[in-house]
PDB file of N, CA and C in Angstrom:
ATOM      1  N   UNK A   1     139.938   3.939   2.424  1.00  0.00           N
ATOM      2  CA  UNK A   1     138.487   3.544   3.080  1.00  0.00           C
ATOM      3  C   UNK A   1     138.541   4.199   4.215  1.00  0.00           C
ATOM      4  N   UNK A   2     136.942   4.985   5.193  1.00  0.00           N
ATOM      5  CA  UNK A   2     137.555   5.385   6.115  1.00  0.00           C
ATOM      6  C   UNK A   2     137.117   4.086   7.165  1.00  0.00           C
ATOM      7  N   UNK A   3     137.510   4.214   8.033  1.00  0.00           N
ATOM      8  CA  UNK A   3     137.147   3.256   9.374  1.00  0.00           C
ATOM      9  C   UNK A   3     136.762   4.159  10.476  1.00  0.00           C
ATOM     10  N   UNK A   4     135.870   3.058  11.014  1.00  0.00           N
ATOM     11  CA  UNK A   4     134.883   3.699  12.047  1.00  0.00           C
ATOM     12  C   UNK A   4     133.323   3.456  12.053  1.00  0.00           C
ATOM     13  N   UNK A   5     132.702   3.761  12.985  1.00  0.00           N
ATOM     14  CA  UNK A   5     131.093   3.926  12.707  1.00  0.00           C
ATOM     15  C   UNK A   5     130.441   5.349  12.610  1.00  0.00           C
ATOM     16  N   UNK A   6     131.259   6.400  12.539  1.00  0.00           N
ATOM     17  CA  UNK A   6     130.563   7.403  12.031  1.00  0.00           C
ATOM     18  C   UNK A   6     130.927   8.233  11.158  1.00  0.00           C
ATOM     19  N   UNK A   7     131.237   6.855  10.012  1.00  0.00           N
ATOM     20  CA  UNK A   7     131.888   7.503   8.502  1.00  0.00           C
ATOM     21  C   UNK A   7     130.009   8.348   7.902  1.00  0.00           C
ATOM     22  N   UNK A   8     129.195   7.627   8.370  1.00  0.00           N
ATOM     23  CA  UNK A   8     128.040   7.755   7.503  1.00  0.00           C
ATOM     24  C   UNK A   8     127.260   8.982   8.614  1.00  0.00           C
ATOM     25  N   UNK A   9     127.650   9.231   9.389  1.00  0.00           N
ATOM     26  CA  UNK A   9     126.839   9.891  10.904  1.00  0.00           C
ATOM     27  C   UNK A   9     127.452  11.424  10.890  1.00  0.00           C
ATOM     28  N   UNK A  10     128.680  11.848   9.654  1.00  0.00           N
ATOM     29  CA  UNK A  10     129.439  13.150  10.205  1.00  0.00           C
ATOM     30  C   UNK A  10     128.422  14.145   9.465  1.00  0.00           C
ATOM     31  N   UNK A  11     127.628  13.792   8.084  1.00  0.00           N
ATOM     32  CA  UNK A  11     126.900  15.081   7.713  1.00  0.00           C
ATOM     33  C   UNK A  11     125.282  14.728   7.577  1.00  0.00           C
ATOM     34  N   UNK A  12     124.911  13.813   8.918  1.00  0.00           N
ATOM     35  CA  UNK A  12     123.206  13.824   9.156  1.00  0.00           C
ATOM     36  C   UNK A  12     123.029  14.741   9.687  1.00  0.00           C
ATOM     37  N   UNK A  13     121.680  14.968  10.060  1.00  0.00           N
ATOM     38  CA  UNK A  13     121.455  16.366  10.543  1.00  0.00           C
ATOM     39  C   UNK A  13     121.072  15.652  12.268  1.00  0.00           C
ATOM     40  N   UNK A  14     120.772  16.770  12.795  1.00  0.00           N
ATOM     41  CA  UNK A  14     120.371  16.093  14.419  1.00  0.00           C
ATOM     42  C   UNK A  14     119.597  15.481  14.748  1.00  0.00           C
ATOM     43  N   UNK A  15     118.328  15.334  13.637  1.00  0.00           N
ATOM     44  CA  UNK A  15     117.025  14.578  13.909  1.00  0.00           C
ATOM     45  C   UNK A  15     117.421  13.919  12.794  1.00  0.00           C
ATOM     46  N   UNK A  16     117.923  12.605  12.371  1.00  0.00           N
ATOM     47  CA  UNK A  16     117.536  11.816  10.750  1.00  0.00           C
ATOM     48  C   UNK A  16     116.271  11.429  10.822  1.00  0.00           C
ATOM     49  N   UNK A  17     115.515  11.060  11.515  1.00  0.00           N
ATOM     50  CA  UNK A  17     114.682  10.590  11.145  1.00  0.00           C
ATOM     51  C   UNK A  17     113.131  11.236  10.590  1.00  0.00           C
ATOM     52  N   UNK A  18     112.915  11.078   9.744  1.00  0.00           N
ATOM     53  CA  UNK A  18     112.164  11.593   8.687  1.00  0.00           C
ATOM     54  C   UNK A  18     110.275  11.504   9.697  1.00  0.00           C
ATOM     55  N   UNK A  19     109.561  12.407   9.277  1.00  0.00           N
ATOM     56  CA  UNK A  19     108.187  12.431   9.633  1.00  0.00           C
ATOM     57  C   UNK A  19     107.580  11.305   8.362  1.00  0.00           C
ATOM     58  N   UNK A  20     106.462  10.632   9.379  1.00  0.00           N
ATOM     59  CA  UNK A  20     105.952   9.832   8.307  1.00  0.00           C
ATOM     60  C   UNK A  20     104.858  10.185   7.474  1.00  0.00           C
ATOM     61  N   UNK A  21     105.049  10.232   5.944  1.00  0.00           N
ATOM     62  CA  UNK A  21     104.626  10.682   5.390  1.00  0.00           C
ATOM     63  C   UNK A  21     103.097   9.952   4.357  1.00  0.00           C
ATOM     64  N   UNK A  22     103.164   8.770   4.788  1.00  0.00           N
ATOM     65  CA  UNK A  22     102.127   7.307   4.501  1.00  0.00           C
ATOM     66  C   UNK A  22     101.663   6.344   5.539  1.00  0.00           C
ATOM     67  N   UNK A  23     100.709   6.692   5.839  1.00  0.00           N
ATOM     68  CA  UNK A  23     100.621   5.778   7.388  1.00  0.00           C
ATOM     69  C   UNK A  23     100.944   4.270   6.717  1.00  0.00           C
ATOM     70  N   UNK A  24     101.240   3.178   7.448  1.00  0.00           N
ATOM     71  CA  UNK A  24     101.418   2.125   6.951  1.00  0.00           C
ATOM     72  C   UNK A  24     100.264   1.507   7.625  1.00  0.00           C
ATOM     73  N   UNK A  25     100.286   0.415   7.191  1.00  0.00           N
ATOM     74  CA  UNK A  25      98.637  -0.757   7.409  1.00  0.00           C
ATOM     75  C   UNK A  25      96.907  -0.097   7.034  1.00  0.00           C
ATOM     76  N   UNK A  26      96.607  -0.842   7.371  1.00  0.00           N
ATOM     77  CA  UNK A  26      95.108  -0.598   7.209  1.00  0.00           C
ATOM     78  C   UNK A  26      94.193  -1.156   8.038  1.00  0.00           C
ATOM     79  N   UNK A  27      93.746   0.206   8.943  1.00  0.00           N
ATOM     80  CA  UNK A  27      92.329   0.450   9.877  1.00  0.00           C
ATOM     81  C   UNK A  27      91.264  -0.259   9.489  1.00  0.00           C
ATOM     82  N   UNK A  28      90.549  -0.246  10.771  1.00  0.00           N
ATOM     83  CA  UNK A  28      89.021  -0.579  10.146  1.00  0.00           C
ATOM     84  C   UNK A  28      88.599   0.336   9.742  1.00  0.00           C
ATOM     85  N   UNK A  29      88.983   1.788   9.947  1.00  0.00           N
ATOM     86  CA  UNK A  29      88.642   2.857   8.614  1.00  0.00           C
ATOM     87  C   UNK A  29      88.686   2.612   7.058  1.00  0.00           C
ATOM     88  N   UNK A  30      89.657   1.683   7.191  1.00  0.00           N
ATOM     89  CA  UNK A  30      90.443   1.615   5.270  1.00  0.00           C
ATOM     90  C   UNK A  30      89.476   0.356   4.576  1.00  0.00           C
ATOM     91  N   UNK A  31      88.654  -0.628   5.144  1.00  0.00           N
ATOM     92  CA  UNK A  31      88.344  -1.445   4.578  1.00  0.00           C
ATOM     93  C   UNK A  31      86.609  -1.189   4.167  1.00  0.00           C
ATOM     94  N   UNK A  32      86.563  -2.068   3.383  1.00  0.00           N
ATOM     95  CA  UNK A  32      85.559  -1.514   2.628  1.00  0.00           C
ATOM     96  C   UNK A  32      83.640  -1.770   3.151  1.00  0.00           C
ATOM     97  N   UNK A  33      82.757  -0.707   3.256  1.00  0.00           N
ATOM     98  CA  UNK A  33      82.249  -1.214   3.904  1.00  0.00           C
ATOM     99  C   UNK A  33      80.682  -2.514   2.789  1.00  0.00           C
ATOM    100  N   UNK A  34      80.950  -3.683   3.234  1.00  0.00           N
ATOM    101  CA  UNK A  34      80.270  -4.407   2.520  1.00  0.00           C
ATOM    102  C   UNK A  34      78.989  -5.084   2.653  1.00  0.00           C
ATOM    103  N   UNK A  35      78.518  -4.425   4.184  1.00  0.00           N
ATOM    104  CA  UNK A  35      77.272  -4.553   4.916  1.00  0.00           C
ATOM    105  C   UNK A  35      77.564  -6.294   4.997  1.00  0.00           C
ATOM    106  N   UNK A  36      76.496  -6.294   4.692  1.00  0.00           N
ATOM    107  CA  UNK A  36      76.003  -8.210   4.646  1.00  0.00           C
ATOM    108  C   UNK A  36      75.994  -9.149   3.557  1.00  0.00           C
ATOM    109  N   UNK A  37      76.709  -8.568   2.979  1.00  0.00           N
ATOM    110  CA  UNK A  37      77.151  -9.229   1.033  1.00  0.00           C
ATOM    111  C   UNK A  37      77.653 -10.617   1.677  1.00  0.00           C
ATOM    112  N   UNK A  38      78.411 -10.441   2.350  1.00  0.00           N
ATOM    113  CA  UNK A  38      79.223 -11.999   2.647  1.00  0.00           C
ATOM    114  C   UNK A  38      78.393 -12.942   2.934  1.00  0.00           C
ATOM    115  N   UNK A  39      77.500 -12.703   3.717  1.00  0.00           N
ATOM    116  CA  UNK A  39      76.669 -13.634   4.748  1.00  0.00           C
ATOM    117  C   UNK A  39      75.730 -13.841   3.825  1.00  0.00           C
ATOM    118  N   UNK A  40      75.428 -12.912   3.105  1.00  0.00           N
ATOM    119  CA  UNK A  40      74.022 -13.802   1.537  1.00  0.00           C
ATOM    120  C   UNK A  40      74.945 -14.578   0.230  1.00  0.00           C
ATOM    121  N   UNK A  41      75.884 -14.480   0.727  1.00  0.00           N
ATOM    122  CA  UNK A  41      77.317 -15.607  -0.460  1.00  0.00           C
ATOM    123  C   UNK A  41      77.036 -16.779   0.216  1.00  0.00           C
ATOM    124  N   UNK A  42      77.952 -16.398   1.344  1.00  0.00           N
ATOM    125  CA  UNK A  42      77.530 -17.752   2.324  1.00  0.00           C
ATOM    126  C   UNK A  42      76.581 -19.068   2.164  1.00  0.00           C
ATOM    127  N   UNK A  43      75.039 -18.181   2.131  1.00  0.00           N
ATOM    128  CA  UNK A  43      73.865 -18.802   2.294  1.00  0.00           C
ATOM    129  C   UNK A  43      73.520 -19.139   0.866  1.00  0.00           C
ATOM    130  N   UNK A  44      73.776 -18.712   0.231  1.00  0.00           N
ATOM    131  CA  UNK A  44      73.800 -18.800  -1.119  1.00  0.00           C
ATOM    132  C   UNK A  44      74.350 -20.012  -1.795  1.00  0.00           C
ATOM    133  N   UNK A  45      75.143 -20.314  -1.214  1.00  0.00           N
ATOM    134  CA  UNK A  45      76.549 -21.178  -1.647  1.00  0.00           C
ATOM    135  C   UNK A  45      76.037 -22.846  -0.926  1.00  0.00           C
ATOM    136  N   UNK A  46      75.629 -22.789   0.307  1.00  0.00           N
ATOM    137  CA  UNK A  46      74.740 -23.317   1.544  1.00  0.00           C
ATOM    138  C   UNK A  46      73.937 -23.978   0.482  1.00  0.00           C
ATOM    139  N   UNK A  47      72.558 -22.998   0.273  1.00  0.00           N
ATOM    140  CA  UNK A  47      71.713 -23.713  -0.697  1.00  0.00           C
ATOM    141  C   UNK A  47      72.139 -24.937  -1.860  1.00  0.00           C
ATOM    142  N   UNK A  48      72.759 -24.201  -3.044  1.00  0.00           N
ATOM    143  CA  UNK A  48      73.290 -24.551  -3.655  1.00  0.00           C
ATOM    144  C   UNK A  48      73.966 -26.233  -3.365  1.00  0.00           C
ATOM    145  N   UNK A  49      74.679 -26.322  -2.447  1.00  0.00           N
ATOM    146  CA  UNK A  49      75.317 -27.727  -2.075  1.00  0.00           C
ATOM    147  C   UNK A  49      73.872 -28.531  -1.457  1.00  0.00           C
ATOM    148  N   UNK A  50      73.007 -27.983  -0.947  1.00  0.00           N
ATOM    149  CA  UNK A  50      71.788 -28.784  -0.088  1.00  0.00           C
ATOM    150  C   UNK A  50      71.004 -29.214  -1.763  1.00  0.00           C
ATOM    151  N   UNK A  51      70.879 -28.321  -2.291  1.00  0.00           N
ATOM    152  CA  UNK A  51      70.308 -28.685  -4.001  1.00  0.00           C
ATOM    153  C   UNK A  51      70.803 -29.680  -4.692  1.00  0.00           C
ATOM    154  N   UNK A  52      72.167 -29.759  -4.798  1.00  0.00           N
ATOM    155  CA  UNK A  52      72.991 -30.507  -5.370  1.00  0.00           C
ATOM    156  C   UNK A  52      72.732 -31.592  -5.092  1.00  0.00           C
ATOM    157  N   UNK A  53      73.076 -31.554  -3.609  1.00  0.00           N
ATOM    158  CA  UNK A  53      73.261 -33.333  -2.855  1.00  0.00           C
ATOM    159  C   UNK A  53      72.252 -33.775  -2.769  1.00  0.00           C
ATOM    160  N   UNK A  54      70.382 -32.996  -3.008  1.00  0.00           N
ATOM    161  CA  UNK A  54      69.290 -33.408  -2.770  1.00  0.00           C
ATOM    162  C   UNK A  54      69.064 -34.663  -4.178  1.00  0.00           C
ATOM    163  N   UNK A  55      69.351 -33.442  -5.407  1.00  0.00           N
ATOM    164  CA  UNK A  55      69.430 -33.960  -6.841  1.00  0.00           C
ATOM    165  C   UNK A  55      69.997 -35.187  -6.865  1.00  0.00           C
ATOM    166  N   UNK A  56      71.006 -34.999  -6.141  1.00  0.00           N
ATOM    167  CA  UNK A  56      72.001 -36.266  -6.465  1.00  0.00           C
ATOM    168  C   UNK A  56      71.450 -37.747  -5.831  1.00  0.00           C
ATOM    169  N   UNK A  57      71.033 -37.382  -4.841  1.00  0.00           N
ATOM    170  CA  UNK A  57      70.314 -38.619  -4.121  1.00  0.00           C
ATOM    171  C   UNK A  57      69.017 -39.087  -4.189  1.00  0.00           C
ATOM    172  N   UNK A  58      68.366 -38.677  -5.509  1.00  0.00           N
ATOM    173  CA  UNK A  58      66.843 -39.023  -5.168  1.00  0.00           C
ATOM    174  C   UNK A  58      67.365 -39.441  -6.307  1.00  0.00           C
TER     175      UNK A  58
END
């Protein structure tokens, strides 16, 4: 077996770092444009809970 830390560096190029071909992570431009849909969903959930509580306690 070869010893030392330069075993793998003998046939590596001068600059072994590859260019990034796939950007990592998702920025704000990758998020789907849903508009205010989430707000309407929460308002519907709150209205349903209020109606259920209203009919339970009458």
